[in-house]
């Protein structure tokens, strides 16, 4: 087994973004470790009108402060997630958008939602 380089999620996300010439997306979320105080980065790109995929570099589970996980650099693994967009709606006000976000109305799927 060959030794892998120690990386972190920011380095991987920026490398993927640069290799796509800045035409994709970088996202940020709160890491699960340390009560969300450490940011976690990922990379996403669109695939047509209704699909997108995301790739992120995650640290090993339950190995904090070990030789595989030194908080900011770690010997992690890649996770690829594929998403399908179900609906896209536009609203004139923030209240309407929040109402649709938290309490969406179930409409029959006719391909025009």
PDB file of N, CA and C in Angstrom:
ATOM      1  N   UNK A   1       0.843  -1.176   0.000  1.00  0.00           N
ATOM      2  CA  UNK A   1       0.000   0.000   0.000  1.00  0.00           C
ATOM      3  C   UNK A   1       0.887   1.237   0.000  1.00  0.00           C
ATOM      4  N   UNK A   2       0.571   2.177  -0.864  1.00  0.00           N
ATOM      5  CA  UNK A   2       1.384   3.381  -0.959  1.00  0.00           C
ATOM      6  C   UNK A   2       0.888   4.431   0.024  1.00  0.00           C
ATOM      7  N   UNK A   3       1.807   5.221   0.510  1.00  0.00           N
ATOM      8  CA  UNK A   3       1.452   6.272   1.457  1.00  0.00           C
ATOM      9  C   UNK A   3       0.808   7.435   0.707  1.00  0.00           C
ATOM     10  N   UNK A   4      -0.287   7.932   1.258  1.00  0.00           N
ATOM     11  CA  UNK A   4      -0.959   9.078   0.653  1.00  0.00           C
ATOM     12  C   UNK A   4      -0.474  10.351   1.319  1.00  0.00           C
ATOM     13  N   UNK A   5      -0.591  11.444   0.590  1.00  0.00           N
ATOM     14  CA  UNK A   5      -0.186  12.738   1.132  1.00  0.00           C
ATOM     15  C   UNK A   5      -1.223  13.232   2.134  1.00  0.00           C
ATOM     16  N   UNK A   6      -0.774  13.930   3.139  1.00  0.00           N
ATOM     17  CA  UNK A   6      -1.680  14.554   4.089  1.00  0.00           C
ATOM     18  C   UNK A   6      -2.230  15.827   3.447  1.00  0.00           C
ATOM     19  N   UNK A   7      -3.551  15.950   3.431  1.00  0.00           N
ATOM     20  CA  UNK A   7      -4.224  17.089   2.833  1.00  0.00           C
ATOM     21  C   UNK A   7      -5.267  17.611   3.805  1.00  0.00           C
ATOM     22  N   UNK A   8      -5.979  18.642   3.390  1.00  0.00           N
ATOM     23  CA  UNK A   8      -7.181  19.032   4.112  1.00  0.00           C
ATOM     24  C   UNK A   8      -8.258  19.398   3.099  1.00  0.00           C
ATOM     25  N   UNK A   9      -9.466  19.589   3.568  1.00  0.00           N
ATOM     26  CA  UNK A   9     -10.598  19.779   2.666  1.00  0.00           C
ATOM     27  C   UNK A   9     -10.468  21.066   1.855  1.00  0.00           C
ATOM     28  N   UNK A  10      -9.879  22.113   2.427  1.00  0.00           N
ATOM     29  CA  UNK A  10      -9.710  23.366   1.696  1.00  0.00           C
ATOM     30  C   UNK A  10      -8.751  23.201   0.529  1.00  0.00           C
ATOM     31  N   UNK A  11      -7.630  22.524   0.757  1.00  0.00           N
ATOM     32  CA  UNK A  11      -6.649  22.310  -0.315  1.00  0.00           C
ATOM     33  C   UNK A  11      -7.273  21.520  -1.458  1.00  0.00           C
ATOM     34  N   UNK A  12      -8.002  20.466  -1.131  1.00  0.00           N
ATOM     35  CA  UNK A  12      -8.629  19.638  -2.170  1.00  0.00           C
ATOM     36  C   UNK A  12      -9.692  20.431  -2.924  1.00  0.00           C
ATOM     37  N   UNK A  13     -10.540  21.178  -2.205  1.00  0.00           N
ATOM     38  CA  UNK A  13     -11.591  21.962  -2.865  1.00  0.00           C
ATOM     39  C   UNK A  13     -10.991  23.020  -3.789  1.00  0.00           C
ATOM     40  N   UNK A  14      -9.950  23.711  -3.334  1.00  0.00           N
ATOM     41  CA  UNK A  14      -9.322  24.735  -4.171  1.00  0.00           C
ATOM     42  C   UNK A  14      -8.608  24.129  -5.378  1.00  0.00           C
ATOM     43  N   UNK A  15      -7.992  22.965  -5.186  1.00  0.00           N
ATOM     44  CA  UNK A  15      -7.332  22.305  -6.305  1.00  0.00           C
ATOM     45  C   UNK A  15      -8.358  21.901  -7.374  1.00  0.00           C
ATOM     46  N   UNK A  16      -9.495  21.359  -6.946  1.00  0.00           N
ATOM     47  CA  UNK A  16     -10.543  20.987  -7.905  1.00  0.00           C
ATOM     48  C   UNK A  16     -11.123  22.214  -8.594  1.00  0.00           C
ATOM     49  N   UNK A  17     -11.313  23.296  -7.865  1.00  0.00           N
ATOM     50  CA  UNK A  17     -11.856  24.526  -8.432  1.00  0.00           C
ATOM     51  C   UNK A  17     -10.887  25.116  -9.457  1.00  0.00           C
ATOM     52  N   UNK A  18      -9.601  25.140  -9.118  1.00  0.00           N
ATOM     53  CA  UNK A  18      -8.607  25.667 -10.053  1.00  0.00           C
ATOM     54  C   UNK A  18      -8.463  24.782 -11.286  1.00  0.00           C
ATOM     55  N   UNK A  19      -8.546  23.468 -11.097  1.00  0.00           N
ATOM     56  CA  UNK A  19      -8.432  22.581 -12.258  1.00  0.00           C
ATOM     57  C   UNK A  19      -9.634  22.713 -13.186  1.00  0.00           C
ATOM     58  N   UNK A  20     -10.748  23.236 -12.682  1.00  0.00           N
ATOM     59  CA  UNK A  20     -11.929  23.505 -13.518  1.00  0.00           C
ATOM     60  C   UNK A  20     -11.950  24.961 -13.987  1.00  0.00           C
ATOM     61  N   UNK A  21     -10.851  25.672 -13.821  1.00  0.00           N
ATOM     62  CA  UNK A  21     -10.690  27.061 -14.256  1.00  0.00           C
ATOM     63  C   UNK A  21     -11.700  28.000 -13.606  1.00  0.00           C
ATOM     64  N   UNK A  22     -12.097  27.697 -12.374  1.00  0.00           N
ATOM     65  CA  UNK A  22     -12.993  28.575 -11.635  1.00  0.00           C
ATOM     66  C   UNK A  22     -14.429  28.577 -12.109  1.00  0.00           C
ATOM     67  N   UNK A  23     -14.832  27.589 -12.900  1.00  0.00           N
ATOM     68  CA  UNK A  23     -16.202  27.551 -13.440  1.00  0.00           C
ATOM     69  C   UNK A  23     -17.148  26.710 -12.592  1.00  0.00           C
ATOM     70  N   UNK A  24     -16.682  26.228 -11.471  1.00  0.00           N
ATOM     71  CA  UNK A  24     -17.504  25.388 -10.594  1.00  0.00           C
ATOM     72  C   UNK A  24     -17.706  26.120  -9.270  1.00  0.00           C
ATOM     73  N   UNK A  25     -18.188  25.415  -8.267  1.00  0.00           N
ATOM     74  CA  UNK A  25     -18.556  26.048  -7.005  1.00  0.00           C
ATOM     75  C   UNK A  25     -17.774  25.447  -5.838  1.00  0.00           C
ATOM     76  N   UNK A  26     -17.431  26.300  -4.895  1.00  0.00           N
ATOM     77  CA  UNK A  26     -16.848  25.882  -3.621  1.00  0.00           C
ATOM     78  C   UNK A  26     -17.901  26.159  -2.564  1.00  0.00           C
ATOM     79  N   UNK A  27     -18.140  25.212  -1.692  1.00  0.00           N
ATOM     80  CA  UNK A  27     -19.109  25.428  -0.619  1.00  0.00           C
ATOM     81  C   UNK A  27     -18.432  25.258   0.727  1.00  0.00           C
ATOM     82  N   UNK A  28     -19.086  25.823   1.711  1.00  0.00           N
ATOM     83  CA  UNK A  28     -18.561  25.845   3.069  1.00  0.00           C
ATOM     84  C   UNK A  28     -19.651  25.384   4.028  1.00  0.00           C
ATOM     85  N   UNK A  29     -19.279  24.534   4.953  1.00  0.00           N
ATOM     86  CA  UNK A  29     -20.202  24.126   6.013  1.00  0.00           C
ATOM     87  C   UNK A  29     -19.420  24.048   7.319  1.00  0.00           C
ATOM     88  N   UNK A  30     -20.124  23.818   8.383  1.00  0.00           N
ATOM     89  CA  UNK A  30     -19.476  23.693   9.684  1.00  0.00           C
ATOM     90  C   UNK A  30     -19.083  22.234   9.895  1.00  0.00           C
ATOM     91  N   UNK A  31     -17.841  22.032  10.288  1.00  0.00           N
ATOM     92  CA  UNK A  31     -17.361  20.672  10.537  1.00  0.00           C
ATOM     93  C   UNK A  31     -18.020  20.118  11.796  1.00  0.00           C
ATOM     94  N   UNK A  32     -18.174  18.819  11.845  1.00  0.00           N
ATOM     95  CA  UNK A  32     -18.792  18.179  13.004  1.00  0.00           C
ATOM     96  C   UNK A  32     -17.894  18.241  14.245  1.00  0.00           C
ATOM     97  N   UNK A  33     -16.600  18.220  14.025  1.00  0.00           N
ATOM     98  CA  UNK A  33     -15.674  18.262  15.157  1.00  0.00           C
ATOM     99  C   UNK A  33     -15.646  19.660  15.765  1.00  0.00           C
ATOM    100  N   UNK A  34     -15.360  19.730  17.014  1.00  0.00           N
ATOM    101  CA  UNK A  34     -15.200  20.985  17.742  1.00  0.00           C
ATOM    102  C   UNK A  34     -16.445  21.872  17.675  1.00  0.00           C
ATOM    103  N   UNK A  35     -17.605  21.248  17.720  1.00  0.00           N
ATOM    104  CA  UNK A  35     -18.896  21.948  17.773  1.00  0.00           C
ATOM    105  C   UNK A  35     -19.100  22.914  16.615  1.00  0.00           C
ATOM    106  N   UNK A  36     -18.572  22.594  15.469  1.00  0.00           N
ATOM    107  CA  UNK A  36     -18.779  23.412  14.285  1.00  0.00           C
ATOM    108  C   UNK A  36     -17.900  24.642  14.179  1.00  0.00           C
ATOM    109  N   UNK A  37     -16.879  24.750  15.002  1.00  0.00           N
ATOM    110  CA  UNK A  37     -16.016  25.932  14.961  1.00  0.00           C
ATOM    111  C   UNK A  37     -15.014  25.888  13.809  1.00  0.00           C
ATOM    112  N   UNK A  38     -14.731  24.714  13.293  1.00  0.00           N
ATOM    113  CA  UNK A  38     -13.795  24.574  12.174  1.00  0.00           C
ATOM    114  C   UNK A  38     -14.607  24.456  10.890  1.00  0.00           C
ATOM    115  N   UNK A  39     -14.305  25.270   9.879  1.00  0.00           N
ATOM    116  CA  UNK A  39     -15.057  25.171   8.618  1.00  0.00           C
ATOM    117  C   UNK A  39     -14.652  23.930   7.829  1.00  0.00           C
ATOM    118  N   UNK A  40     -15.600  23.437   7.039  1.00  0.00           N
ATOM    119  CA  UNK A  40     -15.363  22.296   6.153  1.00  0.00           C
ATOM    120  C   UNK A  40     -15.707  22.728   4.735  1.00  0.00           C
ATOM    121  N   UNK A  41     -14.842  22.437   3.784  1.00  0.00           N
ATOM    122  CA  UNK A  41     -15.013  22.889   2.406  1.00  0.00           C
ATOM    123  C   UNK A  41     -15.281  21.705   1.482  1.00  0.00           C
ATOM    124  N   UNK A  42     -15.992  21.972   0.404  1.00  0.00           N
ATOM    125  CA  UNK A  42     -16.253  20.976  -0.620  1.00  0.00           C
ATOM    126  C   UNK A  42     -16.335  21.644  -1.981  1.00  0.00           C
ATOM    127  N   UNK A  43     -16.464  20.836  -2.998  1.00  0.00           N
ATOM    128  CA  UNK A  43     -16.493  21.308  -4.381  1.00  0.00           C
ATOM    129  C   UNK A  43     -17.718  20.725  -5.075  1.00  0.00           C
ATOM    130  N   UNK A  44     -18.432  21.542  -5.854  1.00  0.00           N
ATOM    131  CA  UNK A  44     -19.622  21.079  -6.575  1.00  0.00           C
ATOM    132  C   UNK A  44     -19.602  21.597  -8.000  1.00  0.00           C
ATOM    133  N   UNK A  45     -20.285  20.864  -8.867  1.00  0.00           N
ATOM    134  CA  UNK A  45     -20.451  21.323 -10.242  1.00  0.00           C
ATOM    135  C   UNK A  45     -21.788  20.868 -10.789  1.00  0.00           C
ATOM    136  N   UNK A  46     -22.334  21.679 -11.687  1.00  0.00           N
ATOM    137  CA  UNK A  46     -23.609  21.357 -12.315  1.00  0.00           C
ATOM    138  C   UNK A  46     -23.414  20.340 -13.424  1.00  0.00           C
ATOM    139  N   UNK A  47     -24.431  19.506 -13.590  1.00  0.00           N
ATOM    140  CA  UNK A  47     -24.465  18.544 -14.688  1.00  0.00           C
ATOM    141  C   UNK A  47     -25.820  18.712 -15.375  1.00  0.00           C
ATOM    142  N   UNK A  48     -25.914  19.632 -16.288  1.00  0.00           N
ATOM    143  CA  UNK A  48     -27.187  19.894 -16.945  1.00  0.00           C
ATOM    144  C   UNK A  48     -28.053  20.813 -16.099  1.00  0.00           C
ATOM    145  N   UNK A  49     -29.367  20.752 -16.330  1.00  0.00           N
ATOM    146  CA  UNK A  49     -30.279  21.642 -15.633  1.00  0.00           C
ATOM    147  C   UNK A  49     -30.783  21.099 -14.311  1.00  0.00           C
ATOM    148  N   UNK A  50     -30.824  19.797 -14.137  1.00  0.00           N
ATOM    149  CA  UNK A  50     -31.448  19.217 -12.948  1.00  0.00           C
ATOM    150  C   UNK A  50     -30.524  18.353 -12.096  1.00  0.00           C
ATOM    151  N   UNK A  51     -29.256  18.348 -12.373  1.00  0.00           N
ATOM    152  CA  UNK A  51     -28.340  17.500 -11.614  1.00  0.00           C
ATOM    153  C   UNK A  51     -27.097  18.283 -11.224  1.00  0.00           C
ATOM    154  N   UNK A  52     -26.521  17.934 -10.099  1.00  0.00           N
ATOM    155  CA  UNK A  52     -25.190  18.400  -9.762  1.00  0.00           C
ATOM    156  C   UNK A  52     -24.524  17.353  -8.877  1.00  0.00           C
ATOM    157  N   UNK A  53     -23.210  17.442  -8.791  1.00  0.00           N
ATOM    158  CA  UNK A  53     -22.461  16.495  -7.978  1.00  0.00           C
ATOM    159  C   UNK A  53     -21.486  17.257  -7.104  1.00  0.00           C
ATOM    160  N   UNK A  54     -21.125  16.626  -6.028  1.00  0.00           N
ATOM    161  CA  UNK A  54     -20.259  17.255  -5.039  1.00  0.00           C
ATOM    162  C   UNK A  54     -19.171  16.266  -4.637  1.00  0.00           C
ATOM    163  N   UNK A  55     -17.982  16.790  -4.400  1.00  0.00           N
ATOM    164  CA  UNK A  55     -16.884  15.961  -3.911  1.00  0.00           C
ATOM    165  C   UNK A  55     -16.258  16.678  -2.720  1.00  0.00           C
ATOM    166  N   UNK A  56     -15.953  15.915  -1.703  1.00  0.00           N
ATOM    167  CA  UNK A  56     -15.329  16.488  -0.515  1.00  0.00           C
ATOM    168  C   UNK A  56     -14.289  15.519   0.026  1.00  0.00           C
ATOM    169  N   UNK A  57     -13.345  16.066   0.729  1.00  0.00           N
ATOM    170  CA  UNK A  57     -12.281  15.287   1.353  1.00  0.00           C
ATOM    171  C   UNK A  57     -12.543  15.296   2.848  1.00  0.00           C
ATOM    172  N   UNK A  58     -12.880  14.151   3.412  1.00  0.00           N
ATOM    173  CA  UNK A  58     -13.265  14.052   4.822  1.00  0.00           C
ATOM    174  C   UNK A  58     -12.162  13.388   5.645  1.00  0.00           C
ATOM    175  N   UNK A  59     -12.031  13.837   6.887  1.00  0.00           N
ATOM    176  CA  UNK A  59     -11.047  13.192   7.767  1.00  0.00           C
ATOM    177  C   UNK A  59     -11.529  11.820   8.215  1.00  0.00           C
ATOM    178  N   UNK A  60     -10.630  10.971   8.681  1.00  0.00           N
ATOM    179  CA  UNK A  60     -11.046   9.656   9.172  1.00  0.00           C
ATOM    180  C   UNK A  60     -11.906   9.791  10.429  1.00  0.00           C
ATOM    181  N   UNK A  61     -12.882   8.917  10.557  1.00  0.00           N
ATOM    182  CA  UNK A  61     -13.766   8.963  11.716  1.00  0.00           C
ATOM    183  C   UNK A  61     -13.069   8.406  12.961  1.00  0.00           C
ATOM    184  N   UNK A  62     -13.348   9.020  14.071  1.00  0.00           N
ATOM    185  CA  UNK A  62     -12.874   8.571  15.383  1.00  0.00           C
ATOM    186  C   UNK A  62     -11.361   8.391  15.459  1.00  0.00           C
ATOM    187  N   UNK A  63     -10.614   9.227  14.754  1.00  0.00           N
ATOM    188  CA  UNK A  63      -9.154   9.114  14.788  1.00  0.00           C
ATOM    189  C   UNK A  63      -8.512  10.453  15.115  1.00  0.00           C
ATOM    190  N   UNK A  64      -9.233  11.338  15.784  1.00  0.00           N
ATOM    191  CA  UNK A  64      -8.729  12.661  16.111  1.00  0.00           C
ATOM    192  C   UNK A  64      -7.479  12.559  16.984  1.00  0.00           C
ATOM    193  N   UNK A  65      -6.518  13.389  16.700  1.00  0.00           N
ATOM    194  CA  UNK A  65      -5.228  13.439  17.385  1.00  0.00           C
ATOM    195  C   UNK A  65      -4.407  12.168  17.192  1.00  0.00           C
ATOM    196  N   UNK A  66      -4.655  11.452  16.126  1.00  0.00           N
ATOM    197  CA  UNK A  66      -3.840  10.275  15.804  1.00  0.00           C
ATOM    198  C   UNK A  66      -2.879  10.657  14.676  1.00  0.00           C
ATOM    199  N   UNK A  67      -2.102   9.700  14.234  1.00  0.00           N
ATOM    200  CA  UNK A  67      -1.169   9.958  13.129  1.00  0.00           C
ATOM    201  C   UNK A  67      -1.907  10.225  11.822  1.00  0.00           C
ATOM    202  N   UNK A  68      -3.181   9.794  11.726  1.00  0.00           N
ATOM    203  CA  UNK A  68      -3.966  10.014  10.509  1.00  0.00           C
ATOM    204  C   UNK A  68      -4.756  11.316  10.525  1.00  0.00           C
ATOM    205  N   UNK A  69      -4.906  11.959  11.674  1.00  0.00           N
ATOM    206  CA  UNK A  69      -5.721  13.164  11.762  1.00  0.00           C
ATOM    207  C   UNK A  69      -5.069  14.162  12.708  1.00  0.00           C
ATOM    208  N   UNK A  70      -4.453  15.178  12.120  1.00  0.00           N
ATOM    209  CA  UNK A  70      -3.780  16.214  12.900  1.00  0.00           C
ATOM    210  C   UNK A  70      -4.561  17.530  12.826  1.00  0.00           C
ATOM    211  N   UNK A  71      -5.867  17.464  12.878  1.00  0.00           N
ATOM    212  CA  UNK A  71      -6.817  18.577  12.843  1.00  0.00           C
ATOM    213  C   UNK A  71      -6.836  19.286  11.494  1.00  0.00           C
ATOM    214  N   UNK A  72      -5.784  19.993  11.133  1.00  0.00           N
ATOM    215  CA  UNK A  72      -5.791  20.761   9.897  1.00  0.00           C
ATOM    216  C   UNK A  72      -5.304  19.982   8.687  1.00  0.00           C
ATOM    217  N   UNK A  73      -4.524  18.947   8.887  1.00  0.00           N
ATOM    218  CA  UNK A  73      -4.144  18.048   7.790  1.00  0.00           C
ATOM    219  C   UNK A  73      -4.434  16.627   8.251  1.00  0.00           C
ATOM    220  N   UNK A  74      -4.864  15.829   7.291  1.00  0.00           N
ATOM    221  CA  UNK A  74      -5.250  14.468   7.665  1.00  0.00           C
ATOM    222  C   UNK A  74      -5.148  13.545   6.468  1.00  0.00           C
ATOM    223  N   UNK A  75      -5.112  12.263   6.755  1.00  0.00           N
ATOM    224  CA  UNK A  75      -5.102  11.213   5.751  1.00  0.00           C
ATOM    225  C   UNK A  75      -6.547  10.738   5.618  1.00  0.00           C
ATOM    226  N   UNK A  76      -7.325  11.441   4.828  1.00  0.00           N
ATOM    227  CA  UNK A  76      -8.764  11.209   4.757  1.00  0.00           C
ATOM    228  C   UNK A  76      -9.206  10.384   3.572  1.00  0.00           C
ATOM    229  N   UNK A  77     -10.468  10.560   3.214  1.00  0.00           N
ATOM    230  CA  UNK A  77     -11.058   9.852   2.082  1.00  0.00           C
ATOM    231  C   UNK A  77     -11.969  10.806   1.324  1.00  0.00           C
ATOM    232  N   UNK A  78     -12.197  10.510   0.058  1.00  0.00           N
ATOM    233  CA  UNK A  78     -13.030  11.336  -0.806  1.00  0.00           C
ATOM    234  C   UNK A  78     -14.456  10.796  -0.798  1.00  0.00           C
ATOM    235  N   UNK A  79     -15.414  11.705  -0.744  1.00  0.00           N
ATOM    236  CA  UNK A  79     -16.825  11.335  -0.796  1.00  0.00           C
ATOM    237  C   UNK A  79     -17.448  12.081  -1.969  1.00  0.00           C
ATOM    238  N   UNK A  80     -18.060  11.343  -2.893  1.00  0.00           N
ATOM    239  CA  UNK A  80     -18.746  11.927  -4.040  1.00  0.00           C
ATOM    240  C   UNK A  80     -20.240  11.708  -3.850  1.00  0.00           C
ATOM    241  N   UNK A  81     -21.016  12.794  -3.962  1.00  0.00           N
ATOM    242  CA  UNK A  81     -22.460  12.728  -3.807  1.00  0.00           C
ATOM    243  C   UNK A  81     -23.103  13.301  -5.060  1.00  0.00           C
ATOM    244  N   UNK A  82     -24.109  12.605  -5.595  1.00  0.00           N
ATOM    245  CA  UNK A  82     -24.861  13.061  -6.762  1.00  0.00           C
ATOM    246  C   UNK A  82     -26.241  13.521  -6.306  1.00  0.00           C
ATOM    247  N   UNK A  83     -26.664  14.694  -6.789  1.00  0.00           N
ATOM    248  CA  UNK A  83     -27.951  15.274  -6.412  1.00  0.00           C
ATOM    249  C   UNK A  83     -28.827  15.457  -7.645  1.00  0.00           C
ATOM    250  N   UNK A  84     -30.131  15.343  -7.443  1.00  0.00           N
ATOM    251  CA  UNK A  84     -31.098  15.617  -8.506  1.00  0.00           C
ATOM    252  C   UNK A  84     -32.020  16.715  -8.013  1.00  0.00           C
ATOM    253  N   UNK A  85     -32.170  17.768  -8.803  1.00  0.00           N
ATOM    254  CA  UNK A  85     -33.030  18.888  -8.452  1.00  0.00           C
ATOM    255  C   UNK A  85     -34.479  18.473  -8.696  1.00  0.00           C
ATOM    256  N   UNK A  86     -35.319  18.647  -7.700  1.00  0.00           N
ATOM    257  CA  UNK A  86     -36.728  18.268  -7.802  1.00  0.00           C
ATOM    258  C   UNK A  86     -37.579  19.447  -8.250  1.00  0.00           C
ATOM    259  N   UNK A  87     -37.329  20.621  -7.710  1.00  0.00           N
ATOM    260  CA  UNK A  87     -38.130  21.789  -8.070  1.00  0.00           C
ATOM    261  C   UNK A  87     -37.313  23.057  -7.878  1.00  0.00           C
ATOM    262  N   UNK A  88     -37.602  24.042  -8.705  1.00  0.00           N
ATOM    263  CA  UNK A  88     -37.023  25.372  -8.578  1.00  0.00           C
ATOM    264  C   UNK A  88     -38.175  26.357  -8.689  1.00  0.00           C
ATOM    265  N   UNK A  89     -38.329  27.193  -7.685  1.00  0.00           N
ATOM    266  CA  UNK A  89     -39.426  28.160  -7.679  1.00  0.00           C
ATOM    267  C   UNK A  89     -38.879  29.545  -7.369  1.00  0.00           C
ATOM    268  N   UNK A  90     -39.554  30.575  -7.898  1.00  0.00           N
ATOM    269  CA  UNK A  90     -39.186  31.967  -7.630  1.00  0.00           C
ATOM    270  C   UNK A  90     -40.302  32.643  -6.857  1.00  0.00           C
ATOM    271  N   UNK A  91     -39.908  33.525  -5.935  1.00  0.00           N
ATOM    272  CA  UNK A  91     -40.872  34.242  -5.117  1.00  0.00           C
ATOM    273  C   UNK A  91     -40.494  35.712  -5.074  1.00  0.00           C
ATOM    274  N   UNK A  92     -41.484  36.574  -4.898  1.00  0.00           N
ATOM    275  CA  UNK A  92     -41.263  38.021  -4.878  1.00  0.00           C
ATOM    276  C   UNK A  92     -40.764  38.508  -3.524  1.00  0.00           C
ATOM    277  N   UNK A  93     -41.134  37.819  -2.457  1.00  0.00           N
ATOM    278  CA  UNK A  93     -40.748  38.285  -1.126  1.00  0.00           C
ATOM    279  C   UNK A  93     -40.020  37.193  -0.355  1.00  0.00           C
ATOM    280  N   UNK A  94     -39.294  37.625   0.647  1.00  0.00           N
ATOM    281  CA  UNK A  94     -38.587  36.681   1.506  1.00  0.00           C
ATOM    282  C   UNK A  94     -39.563  35.803   2.271  1.00  0.00           C
ATOM    283  N   UNK A  95     -40.677  36.367   2.705  1.00  0.00           N
ATOM    284  CA  UNK A  95     -41.674  35.597   3.455  1.00  0.00           C
ATOM    285  C   UNK A  95     -42.243  34.458   2.622  1.00  0.00           C
ATOM    286  N   UNK A  96     -42.540  34.732   1.343  1.00  0.00           N
ATOM    287  CA  UNK A  96     -43.046  33.684   0.452  1.00  0.00           C
ATOM    288  C   UNK A  96     -41.999  32.599   0.246  1.00  0.00           C
ATOM    289  N   UNK A  97     -40.752  33.009   0.070  1.00  0.00           N
ATOM    290  CA  UNK A  97     -39.678  32.037  -0.138  1.00  0.00           C
ATOM    291  C   UNK A  97     -39.479  31.168   1.098  1.00  0.00           C
ATOM    292  N   UNK A  98     -39.508  31.780   2.286  1.00  0.00           N
ATOM    293  CA  UNK A  98     -39.348  31.005   3.519  1.00  0.00           C
ATOM    294  C   UNK A  98     -40.532  30.076   3.750  1.00  0.00           C
ATOM    295  N   UNK A  99     -41.733  30.512   3.400  1.00  0.00           N
ATOM    296  CA  UNK A  99     -42.908  29.645   3.536  1.00  0.00           C
ATOM    297  C   UNK A  99     -42.780  28.428   2.631  1.00  0.00           C
ATOM    298  N   UNK A 100     -42.288  28.630   1.415  1.00  0.00           N
ATOM    299  CA  UNK A 100     -42.096  27.498   0.506  1.00  0.00           C
ATOM    300  C   UNK A 100     -40.955  26.611   0.977  1.00  0.00           C
ATOM    301  N   UNK A 101     -39.939  27.203   1.575  1.00  0.00           N
ATOM    302  CA  UNK A 101     -38.780  26.453   2.055  1.00  0.00           C
ATOM    303  C   UNK A 101     -39.159  25.533   3.212  1.00  0.00           C
ATOM    304  N   UNK A 102     -39.896  26.071   4.176  1.00  0.00           N
ATOM    305  CA  UNK A 102     -40.236  25.291   5.363  1.00  0.00           C
ATOM    306  C   UNK A 102     -41.529  24.495   5.238  1.00  0.00           C
ATOM    307  N   UNK A 103     -42.471  24.958   4.424  1.00  0.00           N
ATOM    308  CA  UNK A 103     -43.770  24.291   4.283  1.00  0.00           C
ATOM    309  C   UNK A 103     -44.127  24.147   2.810  1.00  0.00           C
ATOM    310  N   UNK A 104     -43.392  23.321   2.055  1.00  0.00           N
ATOM    311  CA  UNK A 104     -43.693  23.201   0.623  1.00  0.00           C
ATOM    312  C   UNK A 104     -45.046  22.543   0.400  1.00  0.00           C
ATOM    313  N   UNK A 105     -45.742  23.018  -0.612  1.00  0.00           N
ATOM    314  CA  UNK A 105     -47.035  22.429  -0.970  1.00  0.00           C
ATOM    315  C   UNK A 105     -46.780  21.281  -1.922  1.00  0.00           C
ATOM    316  N   UNK A 106     -47.394  20.162  -1.684  1.00  0.00           N
ATOM    317  CA  UNK A 106     -47.243  19.009  -2.549  1.00  0.00           C
ATOM    318  C   UNK A 106     -48.109  19.195  -3.786  1.00  0.00           C
ATOM    319  N   UNK A 107     -47.471  19.302  -4.926  1.00  0.00           N
ATOM    320  CA  UNK A 107     -48.176  19.423  -6.189  1.00  0.00           C
ATOM    321  C   UNK A 107     -47.961  18.161  -6.992  1.00  0.00           C
ATOM    322  N   UNK A 108     -48.894  17.862  -7.876  1.00  0.00           N
ATOM    323  CA  UNK A 108     -48.720  16.708  -8.742  1.00  0.00           C
ATOM    324  C   UNK A 108     -47.546  16.948  -9.661  1.00  0.00           C
ATOM    325  N   UNK A 109     -46.762  15.936  -9.862  1.00  0.00           N
ATOM    326  CA  UNK A 109     -45.601  16.048 -10.739  1.00  0.00           C
ATOM    327  C   UNK A 109     -46.068  15.921 -12.193  1.00  0.00           C
ATOM    328  N   UNK A 110     -46.001  17.030 -12.916  1.00  0.00           N
ATOM    329  CA  UNK A 110     -46.346  16.978 -14.326  1.00  0.00           C
ATOM    330  C   UNK A 110     -45.179  17.391 -15.210  1.00  0.00           C
ATOM    331  N   UNK A 111     -44.008  17.482 -14.594  1.00  0.00           N
ATOM    332  CA  UNK A 111     -42.828  17.841 -15.358  1.00  0.00           C
ATOM    333  C   UNK A 111     -42.638  19.336 -15.514  1.00  0.00           C
ATOM    334  N   UNK A 112     -43.544  20.153 -14.944  1.00  0.00           N
ATOM    335  CA  UNK A 112     -43.458  21.604 -15.089  1.00  0.00           C
ATOM    336  C   UNK A 112     -43.410  22.296 -13.747  1.00  0.00           C
ATOM    337  N   UNK A 113     -42.786  21.708 -12.728  1.00  0.00           N
ATOM    338  CA  UNK A 113     -42.760  22.374 -11.428  1.00  0.00           C
ATOM    339  C   UNK A 113     -41.566  23.276 -11.278  1.00  0.00           C
TER     340      UNK A 113
END
